[in-house]
Each structure stands twice: as structure tokens, then as C-alpha cells.
Amino acid sequence: MPETHKKDYVAGFTVDEISEDFYALYITSKKYKRDTIIQLKVNAQAGNWIIGQVDYQTGEVDIKSNHKYPEEAKMIEHFKEGIALFLERVEE
């Protein structure tokens, strides 16, 4: 079972906020020797949500969203960038 957290971002979110949220999950997962998969669900604007799941050992990433036009959604791009920043941080 992945280490999971749910967060509400009413006015949007930044790349750094997503990276920090994933890092906090990573620390908790490592501390309690849980699964290497961590998951963050974000409730964003206009009823949209996004779920990111990352295996921090393999670097595998899975992102799901209910956004009507996911290829155009800035929130998904920010989420991907935040995950990439997180993965860079844990690889060091």
C-alpha cells in the first residue's frame, strides 16, 4: 500500500509545493520502512483533481486526472515538474 496524502489547493499549486509534498511522503515512507511507492492526491480548482504515484526506487511515475483536457492542463505540467524535482532530490 503506497504512502498516501491528500491535499487541497484551492488557488492552484506551485512546482516546489508538489516537490515538497512528495518529499514529506518519502521521508515518512523511509522512516517507517514502508513501500517505495508514494502517492499524492491534490484537489485543485473547479472540482479538478490529480493523483500522482511515484516509485522512488525505480523512478516510475503514474499520473491520473479528471481534467477535461489533460494535455492542455497547466496543473498536470506543474505536477510532472514537481515530481521530476522530487526525484532529482532523492537521487542525490
PDB file of N, CA and C in Angstrom:
ATOM      1  N   MET A   1       0.847  -1.176   0.000  1.00  0.00           N
ATOM      2  CA  MET A   1       0.000   0.000   0.000  1.00  0.00           C
ATOM      3  C   MET A   1       0.895   1.243   0.000  1.00  0.00           C
ATOM      4  N   PRO A   2       0.717   2.129  -0.957  1.00  0.00           N
ATOM      5  CA  PRO A   2       1.581   3.310  -1.013  1.00  0.00           C
ATOM      6  C   PRO A   2       1.333   4.278   0.138  1.00  0.00           C
ATOM      7  N   GLU A   3       2.385   4.973   0.516  1.00  0.00           N
ATOM      8  CA  GLU A   3       2.260   6.069   1.472  1.00  0.00           C
ATOM      9  C   GLU A   3       1.464   7.159   0.763  1.00  0.00           C
ATOM     10  N   THR A   4       0.327   7.567   1.317  1.00  0.00           N
ATOM     11  CA  THR A   4      -0.601   8.453   0.617  1.00  0.00           C
ATOM     12  C   THR A   4      -0.908   9.703   1.428  1.00  0.00           C
ATOM     13  N   HIS A   5      -1.114  10.774   0.710  1.00  0.00           N
ATOM     14  CA  HIS A   5      -1.529  12.034   1.334  1.00  0.00           C
ATOM     15  C   HIS A   5      -2.496  12.730   0.390  1.00  0.00           C
ATOM     16  N   LYS A   6      -3.488  13.412   0.954  1.00  0.00           N
ATOM     17  CA  LYS A   6      -4.444  14.185   0.155  1.00  0.00           C
ATOM     18  C   LYS A   6      -4.327  15.641   0.571  1.00  0.00           C
ATOM     19  N   LYS A   7      -4.331  16.529  -0.400  1.00  0.00           N
ATOM     20  CA  LYS A   7      -4.163  17.948  -0.098  1.00  0.00           C
ATOM     21  C   LYS A   7      -5.090  18.776  -0.970  1.00  0.00           C
ATOM     22  N   ASP A   8      -5.633  19.832  -0.395  1.00  0.00           N
ATOM     23  CA  ASP A   8      -6.484  20.758  -1.136  1.00  0.00           C
ATOM     24  C   ASP A   8      -5.692  22.005  -1.498  1.00  0.00           C
ATOM     25  N   TYR A   9      -5.665  22.310  -2.773  1.00  0.00           N
ATOM     26  CA  TYR A   9      -5.055  23.549  -3.266  1.00  0.00           C
ATOM     27  C   TYR A   9      -6.151  24.324  -3.977  1.00  0.00           C
ATOM     28  N   VAL A  10      -6.799  25.226  -3.274  1.00  0.00           N
ATOM     29  CA  VAL A  10      -7.935  25.955  -3.826  1.00  0.00           C
ATOM     30  C   VAL A  10      -7.491  26.938  -4.907  1.00  0.00           C
ATOM     31  N   ALA A  11      -6.347  27.568  -4.718  1.00  0.00           N
ATOM     32  CA  ALA A  11      -5.893  28.591  -5.664  1.00  0.00           C
ATOM     33  C   ALA A  11      -4.735  28.111  -6.528  1.00  0.00           C
ATOM     34  N   GLY A  12      -4.673  26.825  -6.788  1.00  0.00           N
ATOM     35  CA  GLY A  12      -3.579  26.288  -7.592  1.00  0.00           C
ATOM     36  C   GLY A  12      -2.388  25.917  -6.722  1.00  0.00           C
ATOM     37  N   PHE A  13      -1.337  25.414  -7.352  1.00  0.00           N
ATOM     38  CA  PHE A  13      -0.153  24.997  -6.622  1.00  0.00           C
ATOM     39  C   PHE A  13       1.083  25.261  -7.461  1.00  0.00           C
ATOM     40  N   THR A  14       2.229  25.280  -6.788  1.00  0.00           N
ATOM     41  CA  THR A  14       3.494  25.505  -7.484  1.00  0.00           C
ATOM     42  C   THR A  14       4.251  24.189  -7.621  1.00  0.00           C
ATOM     43  N   VAL A  15       5.226  24.200  -8.493  1.00  0.00           N
ATOM     44  CA  VAL A  15       6.097  23.043  -8.688  1.00  0.00           C
ATOM     45  C   VAL A  15       6.803  22.706  -7.375  1.00  0.00           C
ATOM     46  N   ASP A  16       7.303  23.723  -6.685  1.00  0.00           N
ATOM     47  CA  ASP A  16       8.012  23.494  -5.421  1.00  0.00           C
ATOM     48  C   ASP A  16       7.113  22.879  -4.355  1.00  0.00           C
ATOM     49  N   GLU A  17       5.848  23.305  -4.292  1.00  0.00           N
ATOM     50  CA  GLU A  17       4.924  22.733  -3.307  1.00  0.00           C
ATOM     51  C   GLU A  17       4.707  21.244  -3.559  1.00  0.00           C
ATOM     52  N   ILE A  18       4.555  20.866  -4.809  1.00  0.00           N
ATOM     53  CA  ILE A  18       4.367  19.446  -5.143  1.00  0.00           C
ATOM     54  C   ILE A  18       5.622  18.658  -4.793  1.00  0.00           C
ATOM     55  N   SER A  19       6.776  19.186  -5.138  1.00  0.00           N
ATOM     56  CA  SER A  19       8.035  18.524  -4.820  1.00  0.00           C
ATOM     57  C   SER A  19       8.181  18.321  -3.313  1.00  0.00           C
ATOM     58  N   GLU A  20       7.864  19.348  -2.529  1.00  0.00           N
ATOM     59  CA  GLU A  20       7.959  19.261  -1.068  1.00  0.00           C
ATOM     60  C   GLU A  20       6.964  18.258  -0.490  1.00  0.00           C
ATOM     61  N   ASP A  21       5.750  18.227  -1.034  1.00  0.00           N
ATOM     62  CA  ASP A  21       4.752  17.262  -0.557  1.00  0.00           C
ATOM     63  C   ASP A  21       5.221  15.830  -0.807  1.00  0.00           C
ATOM     64  N   PHE A  22       5.779  15.576  -1.996  1.00  0.00           N
ATOM     65  CA  PHE A  22       6.294  14.235  -2.285  1.00  0.00           C
ATOM     66  C   PHE A  22       7.488  13.916  -1.387  1.00  0.00           C
ATOM     67  N   TYR A  23       8.328  14.900  -1.117  1.00  0.00           N
ATOM     68  CA  TYR A  23       9.480  14.661  -0.258  1.00  0.00           C
ATOM     69  C   TYR A  23       9.042  14.305   1.165  1.00  0.00           C
ATOM     70  N   ALA A  24       8.020  14.972   1.666  1.00  0.00           N
ATOM     71  CA  ALA A  24       7.497  14.653   3.001  1.00  0.00           C
ATOM     72  C   ALA A  24       6.975  13.214   3.047  1.00  0.00           C
ATOM     73  N   LEU A  25       6.291  12.792   1.995  1.00  0.00           N
ATOM     74  CA  LEU A  25       5.819  11.402   1.923  1.00  0.00           C
ATOM     75  C   LEU A  25       6.999  10.432   1.878  1.00  0.00           C
ATOM     76  N   TYR A  26       8.029  10.804   1.136  1.00  0.00           N
ATOM     77  CA  TYR A  26       9.238   9.993   1.014  1.00  0.00           C
ATOM     78  C   TYR A  26       9.893   9.791   2.385  1.00  0.00           C
ATOM     79  N   ILE A  27      10.026  10.877   3.146  1.00  0.00           N
ATOM     80  CA  ILE A  27      10.635  10.801   4.480  1.00  0.00           C
ATOM     81  C   ILE A  27       9.822   9.872   5.382  1.00  0.00           C
ATOM     82  N   THR A  28       8.510  10.008   5.363  1.00  0.00           N
ATOM     83  CA  THR A  28       7.640   9.152   6.177  1.00  0.00           C
ATOM     84  C   THR A  28       7.775   7.695   5.754  1.00  0.00           C
ATOM     85  N   SER A  29       7.768   7.450   4.460  1.00  0.00           N
ATOM     86  CA  SER A  29       7.881   6.093   3.934  1.00  0.00           C
ATOM     87  C   SER A  29       9.209   5.453   4.346  1.00  0.00           C
ATOM     88  N   LYS A  30      10.299   6.208   4.238  1.00  0.00           N
ATOM     89  CA  LYS A  30      11.619   5.695   4.622  1.00  0.00           C
ATOM     90  C   LYS A  30      11.690   5.459   6.132  1.00  0.00           C
ATOM     91  N   LYS A  31      11.151   6.394   6.903  1.00  0.00           N
ATOM     92  CA  LYS A  31      11.216   6.299   8.366  1.00  0.00           C
ATOM     93  C   LYS A  31      10.539   5.030   8.870  1.00  0.00           C
ATOM     94  N   TYR A  32       9.386   4.723   8.314  1.00  0.00           N
ATOM     95  CA  TYR A  32       8.627   3.561   8.770  1.00  0.00           C
ATOM     96  C   TYR A  32       8.842   2.327   7.900  1.00  0.00           C
ATOM     97  N   LYS A  33       9.826   2.404   7.000  1.00  0.00           N
ATOM     98  CA  LYS A  33      10.207   1.280   6.135  1.00  0.00           C
ATOM     99  C   LYS A  33       9.000   0.696   5.403  1.00  0.00           C
ATOM    100  N   ARG A  34       8.247   1.586   4.788  1.00  0.00           N
ATOM    101  CA  ARG A  34       7.060   1.178   4.042  1.00  0.00           C
ATOM    102  C   ARG A  34       7.401   0.986   2.576  1.00  0.00           C
ATOM    103  N   ASP A  35       6.380   0.785   1.787  1.00  0.00           N
ATOM    104  CA  ASP A  35       6.502   0.602   0.350  1.00  0.00           C
ATOM    105  C   ASP A  35       7.305   1.744  -0.274  1.00  0.00           C
ATOM    106  N   THR A  36       7.983   1.474  -1.392  1.00  0.00           N
ATOM    107  CA  THR A  36       8.748   2.520  -2.083  1.00  0.00           C
ATOM    108  C   THR A  36       7.863   3.358  -2.998  1.00  0.00           C
ATOM    109  N   ILE A  37       6.577   3.054  -3.033  1.00  0.00           N
ATOM    110  CA  ILE A  37       5.635   3.827  -3.843  1.00  0.00           C
ATOM    111  C   ILE A  37       4.932   4.833  -2.940  1.00  0.00           C
ATOM    112  N   ILE A  38       4.959   6.089  -3.363  1.00  0.00           N
ATOM    113  CA  ILE A  38       4.256   7.137  -2.630  1.00  0.00           C
ATOM    114  C   ILE A  38       3.235   7.779  -3.558  1.00  0.00           C
ATOM    115  N   GLN A  39       2.162   8.269  -2.969  1.00  0.00           N
ATOM    116  CA  GLN A  39       1.045   8.783  -3.767  1.00  0.00           C
ATOM    117  C   GLN A  39       0.514  10.071  -3.154  1.00  0.00           C
ATOM    118  N   LEU A  40       0.253  11.043  -4.016  1.00  0.00           N
ATOM    119  CA  LEU A  40      -0.308  12.317  -3.578  1.00  0.00           C
ATOM    120  C   LEU A  40      -1.534  12.618  -4.415  1.00  0.00           C
ATOM    121  N   LYS A  41      -2.652  12.900  -3.733  1.00  0.00           N
ATOM    122  CA  LYS A  41      -3.865  13.332  -4.428  1.00  0.00           C
ATOM    123  C   LYS A  41      -4.078  14.798  -4.109  1.00  0.00           C
ATOM    124  N   VAL A  42      -4.258  15.591  -5.152  1.00  0.00           N
ATOM    125  CA  VAL A  42      -4.468  17.023  -4.994  1.00  0.00           C
ATOM    126  C   VAL A  42      -5.829  17.389  -5.550  1.00  0.00           C
ATOM    127  N   ASN A  43      -6.614  18.063  -4.728  1.00  0.00           N
ATOM    128  CA  ASN A  43      -7.870  18.648  -5.189  1.00  0.00           C
ATOM    129  C   ASN A  43      -7.550  20.069  -5.602  1.00  0.00           C
ATOM    130  N   ALA A  44      -7.765  20.366  -6.869  1.00  0.00           N
ATOM    131  CA  ALA A  44      -7.396  21.673  -7.415  1.00  0.00           C
ATOM    132  C   ALA A  44      -8.646  22.502  -7.687  1.00  0.00           C
ATOM    133  N   GLN A  45      -8.512  23.487  -8.556  1.00  0.00           N
ATOM    134  CA  GLN A  45      -9.601  24.402  -8.861  1.00  0.00           C
ATOM    135  C   GLN A  45     -10.702  23.729  -9.670  1.00  0.00           C
ATOM    136  N   ALA A  46     -11.904  24.277  -9.565  1.00  0.00           N
ATOM    137  CA  ALA A  46     -13.066  23.893 -10.386  1.00  0.00           C
ATOM    138  C   ALA A  46     -13.409  22.408 -10.293  1.00  0.00           C
ATOM    139  N   GLY A  47     -13.169  21.805  -9.131  1.00  0.00           N
ATOM    140  CA  GLY A  47     -13.518  20.401  -8.946  1.00  0.00           C
ATOM    141  C   GLY A  47     -12.557  19.418  -9.586  1.00  0.00           C
ATOM    142  N   ASN A  48     -11.457  19.901 -10.125  1.00  0.00           N
ATOM    143  CA  ASN A  48     -10.469  19.009 -10.732  1.00  0.00           C
ATOM    144  C   ASN A  48      -9.607  18.360  -9.657  1.00  0.00           C
ATOM    145  N   TRP A  49      -9.134  17.181  -9.948  1.00  0.00           N
ATOM    146  CA  TRP A  49      -8.204  16.500  -9.058  1.00  0.00           C
ATOM    147  C   TRP A  49      -7.111  15.860  -9.901  1.00  0.00           C
ATOM    148  N   ILE A  50      -6.021  15.573  -9.235  1.00  0.00           N
ATOM    149  CA  ILE A  50      -4.896  14.903  -9.873  1.00  0.00           C
ATOM    150  C   ILE A  50      -4.259  13.979  -8.843  1.00  0.00           C
ATOM    151  N   ILE A  51      -3.895  12.785  -9.277  1.00  0.00           N
ATOM    152  CA  ILE A  51      -3.233  11.811  -8.411  1.00  0.00           C
ATOM    153  C   ILE A  51      -1.902  11.449  -9.054  1.00  0.00           C
ATOM    154  N   GLY A  52      -0.856  11.582  -8.280  1.00  0.00           N
ATOM    155  CA  GLY A  52       0.466  11.186  -8.755  1.00  0.00           C
ATOM    156  C   GLY A  52       0.999  10.067  -7.891  1.00  0.00           C
ATOM    157  N   GLN A  53       1.493   9.036  -8.543  1.00  0.00           N
ATOM    158  CA  GLN A  53       2.077   7.906  -7.830  1.00  0.00           C
ATOM    159  C   GLN A  53       3.507   7.737  -8.335  1.00  0.00           C
ATOM    160  N   VAL A  54       4.456   7.663  -7.409  1.00  0.00           N
ATOM    161  CA  VAL A  54       5.868   7.588  -7.757  1.00  0.00           C
ATOM    162  C   VAL A  54       6.516   6.442  -6.990  1.00  0.00           C
ATOM    163  N   ASP A  55       7.268   5.617  -7.712  1.00  0.00           N
ATOM    164  CA  ASP A  55       8.118   4.627  -7.060  1.00  0.00           C
ATOM    165  C   ASP A  55       9.505   5.259  -6.993  1.00  0.00           C
ATOM    166  N   TYR A  56       9.914   5.667  -5.809  1.00  0.00           N
ATOM    167  CA  TYR A  56      11.160   6.419  -5.704  1.00  0.00           C
ATOM    168  C   TYR A  56      12.404   5.560  -5.871  1.00  0.00           C
ATOM    169  N   GLN A  57      12.264   4.232  -5.906  1.00  0.00           N
ATOM    170  CA  GLN A  57      13.416   3.377  -6.192  1.00  0.00           C
ATOM    171  C   GLN A  57      13.634   3.232  -7.689  1.00  0.00           C
ATOM    172  N   THR A  58      12.555   3.048  -8.436  1.00  0.00           N
ATOM    173  CA  THR A  58      12.683   2.824  -9.880  1.00  0.00           C
ATOM    174  C   THR A  58      12.499   4.096 -10.695  1.00  0.00           C
ATOM    175  N   GLY A  59      11.896   5.124 -10.093  1.00  0.00           N
ATOM    176  CA  GLY A  59      11.611   6.355 -10.823  1.00  0.00           C
ATOM    177  C   GLY A  59      10.350   6.281 -11.653  1.00  0.00           C
ATOM    178  N   GLU A  60       9.612   5.184 -11.528  1.00  0.00           N
ATOM    179  CA  GLU A  60       8.363   5.024 -12.277  1.00  0.00           C
ATOM    180  C   GLU A  60       7.308   6.005 -11.770  1.00  0.00           C
ATOM    181  N   VAL A  61       6.616   6.668 -12.708  1.00  0.00           N
ATOM    182  CA  VAL A  61       5.625   7.690 -12.366  1.00  0.00           C
ATOM    183  C   VAL A  61       4.311   7.379 -13.072  1.00  0.00           C
ATOM    184  N   ASP A  62       3.202   7.536 -12.346  1.00  0.00           N
ATOM    185  CA  ASP A  62       1.869   7.385 -12.931  1.00  0.00           C
ATOM    186  C   ASP A  62       1.028   8.572 -12.463  1.00  0.00           C
ATOM    187  N   ILE A  63       0.440   9.285 -13.422  1.00  0.00           N
ATOM    188  CA  ILE A  63      -0.373  10.455 -13.099  1.00  0.00           C
ATOM    189  C   ILE A  63      -1.753  10.284 -13.708  1.00  0.00           C
ATOM    190  N   LYS A  64      -2.768  10.509 -12.878  1.00  0.00           N
ATOM    191  CA  LYS A  64      -4.160  10.446 -13.334  1.00  0.00           C
ATOM    192  C   LYS A  64      -4.849  11.753 -12.955  1.00  0.00           C
ATOM    193  N   SER A  65      -5.817  12.162 -13.783  1.00  0.00           N
ATOM    194  CA  SER A  65      -6.554  13.391 -13.512  1.00  0.00           C
ATOM    195  C   SER A  65      -7.940  13.294 -14.126  1.00  0.00           C
ATOM    196  N   ASN A  66      -8.872  14.064 -13.567  1.00  0.00           N
ATOM    197  CA  ASN A  66     -10.210  14.126 -14.148  1.00  0.00           C
ATOM    198  C   ASN A  66     -10.374  15.368 -15.024  1.00  0.00           C
ATOM    199  N   HIS A  67      -9.280  16.064 -15.307  1.00  0.00           N
ATOM    200  CA  HIS A  67      -9.339  17.280 -16.117  1.00  0.00           C
ATOM    201  C   HIS A  67      -9.885  16.948 -17.505  1.00  0.00           C
ATOM    202  N   LYS A  68     -10.775  17.786 -17.998  1.00  0.00           N
ATOM    203  CA  LYS A  68     -11.430  17.553 -19.285  1.00  0.00           C
ATOM    204  C   LYS A  68     -10.425  17.518 -20.443  1.00  0.00           C
ATOM    205  N   TYR A  69      -9.403  18.350 -20.380  1.00  0.00           N
ATOM    206  CA  TYR A  69      -8.374  18.411 -21.426  1.00  0.00           C
ATOM    207  C   TYR A  69      -6.990  18.254 -20.790  1.00  0.00           C
ATOM    208  N   PRO A  70      -6.621  17.027 -20.398  1.00  0.00           N
ATOM    209  CA  PRO A  70      -5.376  16.834 -19.642  1.00  0.00           C
ATOM    210  C   PRO A  70      -4.119  17.289 -20.379  1.00  0.00           C
ATOM    211  N   GLU A  71      -4.115  17.187 -21.701  1.00  0.00           N
ATOM    212  CA  GLU A  71      -2.920  17.595 -22.444  1.00  0.00           C
ATOM    213  C   GLU A  71      -2.715  19.110 -22.424  1.00  0.00           C
ATOM    214  N   GLU A  72      -3.738  19.859 -22.060  1.00  0.00           N
ATOM    215  CA  GLU A  72      -3.648  21.321 -22.006  1.00  0.00           C
ATOM    216  C   GLU A  72      -3.589  21.859 -20.575  1.00  0.00           C
ATOM    217  N   ALA A  73      -3.707  20.999 -19.603  1.00  0.00           N
ATOM    218  CA  ALA A  73      -3.823  21.438 -18.207  1.00  0.00           C
ATOM    219  C   ALA A  73      -2.465  21.819 -17.622  1.00  0.00           C
ATOM    220  N   LYS A  74      -2.353  23.065 -17.199  1.00  0.00           N
ATOM    221  CA  LYS A  74      -1.115  23.526 -16.563  1.00  0.00           C
ATOM    222  C   LYS A  74      -0.877  22.802 -15.247  1.00  0.00           C
ATOM    223  N   MET A  75      -1.964  22.436 -14.545  1.00  0.00           N
ATOM    224  CA  MET A  75      -1.793  21.764 -13.259  1.00  0.00           C
ATOM    225  C   MET A  75      -1.072  20.431 -13.444  1.00  0.00           C
ATOM    226  N   ILE A  76      -1.329  19.750 -14.550  1.00  0.00           N
ATOM    227  CA  ILE A  76      -0.668  18.467 -14.790  1.00  0.00           C
ATOM    228  C   ILE A  76       0.808  18.691 -15.109  1.00  0.00           C
ATOM    229  N   GLU A  77       1.113  19.717 -15.888  1.00  0.00           N
ATOM    230  CA  GLU A  77       2.508  20.050 -16.178  1.00  0.00           C
ATOM    231  C   GLU A  77       3.258  20.413 -14.901  1.00  0.00           C
ATOM    232  N   HIS A  78       2.648  21.228 -14.048  1.00  0.00           N
ATOM    233  CA  HIS A  78       3.278  21.590 -12.777  1.00  0.00           C
ATOM    234  C   HIS A  78       3.498  20.350 -11.914  1.00  0.00           C
ATOM    235  N   PHE A  79       2.538  19.459 -11.924  1.00  0.00           N
ATOM    236  CA  PHE A  79       2.639  18.227 -11.147  1.00  0.00           C
ATOM    237  C   PHE A  79       3.820  17.391 -11.638  1.00  0.00           C
ATOM    238  N   LYS A  80       3.932  17.222 -12.961  1.00  0.00           N
ATOM    239  CA  LYS A  80       5.047  16.455 -13.541  1.00  0.00           C
ATOM    240  C   LYS A  80       6.388  17.090 -13.200  1.00  0.00           C
ATOM    241  N   GLU A  81       6.462  18.410 -13.292  1.00  0.00           N
ATOM    242  CA  GLU A  81       7.701  19.115 -12.963  1.00  0.00           C
ATOM    243  C   GLU A  81       8.039  18.962 -11.484  1.00  0.00           C
ATOM    244  N   GLY A  82       7.029  19.004 -10.626  1.00  0.00           N
ATOM    245  CA  GLY A  82       7.248  18.816  -9.194  1.00  0.00           C
ATOM    246  C   GLY A  82       7.769  17.425  -8.878  1.00  0.00           C
ATOM    247  N   ILE A  83       7.228  16.427  -9.558  1.00  0.00           N
ATOM    248  CA  ILE A  83       7.697  15.048  -9.364  1.00  0.00           C
ATOM    249  C   ILE A  83       9.137  14.911  -9.847  1.00  0.00           C
ATOM    250  N   ALA A  84       9.454  15.492 -10.997  1.00  0.00           N
ATOM    251  CA  ALA A  84      10.822  15.433 -11.525  1.00  0.00           C
ATOM    252  C   ALA A  84      11.805  16.081 -10.547  1.00  0.00           C
ATOM    253  N   LEU A  85      11.420  17.204  -9.976  1.00  0.00           N
ATOM    254  CA  LEU A  85      12.255  17.897  -8.995  1.00  0.00           C
ATOM    255  C   LEU A  85      12.449  17.028  -7.751  1.00  0.00           C
ATOM    256  N   PHE A  86      11.384  16.388  -7.304  1.00  0.00           N
ATOM    257  CA  PHE A  86      11.464  15.476  -6.159  1.00  0.00           C
ATOM    258  C   PHE A  86      12.431  14.325  -6.452  1.00  0.00           C
ATOM    259  N   LEU A  87      12.293  13.703  -7.631  1.00  0.00           N
ATOM    260  CA  LEU A  87      13.151  12.567  -7.978  1.00  0.00           C
ATOM    261  C   LEU A  87      14.619  12.980  -8.060  1.00  0.00           C
ATOM    262  N   GLU A  88      14.891  14.164  -8.581  1.00  0.00           N
ATOM    263  CA  GLU A  88      16.272  14.670  -8.606  1.00  0.00           C
ATOM    264  C   GLU A  88      16.813  14.785  -7.185  1.00  0.00           C
ATOM    265  N   ARG A  89      15.994  15.264  -6.297  1.00  0.00           N
ATOM    266  CA  ARG A  89      16.406  15.474  -4.905  1.00  0.00           C
ATOM    267  C   ARG A  89      16.740  14.161  -4.210  1.00  0.00           C
ATOM    268  N   VAL A  90      15.945  13.125  -4.431  1.00  0.00           N
ATOM    269  CA  VAL A  90      16.194  11.861  -3.725  1.00  0.00           C
ATOM    270  C   VAL A  90      17.299  11.038  -4.378  1.00  0.00           C
ATOM    271  N   GLU A  91      17.669  11.353  -5.605  1.00  0.00           N
ATOM    272  CA  GLU A  91      18.764  10.639  -6.275  1.00  0.00           C
ATOM    273  C   GLU A  91      20.126  11.108  -5.791  1.00  0.00           C
ATOM    274  N   GLU A  92      20.187  12.293  -5.195  1.00  0.00           N
ATOM    275  CA  GLU A  92      21.472  12.867  -4.762  1.00  0.00           C
ATOM    276  C   GLU A  92      22.093  12.105  -3.632  1.00  0.00           C
TER     277      GLU A  92
END
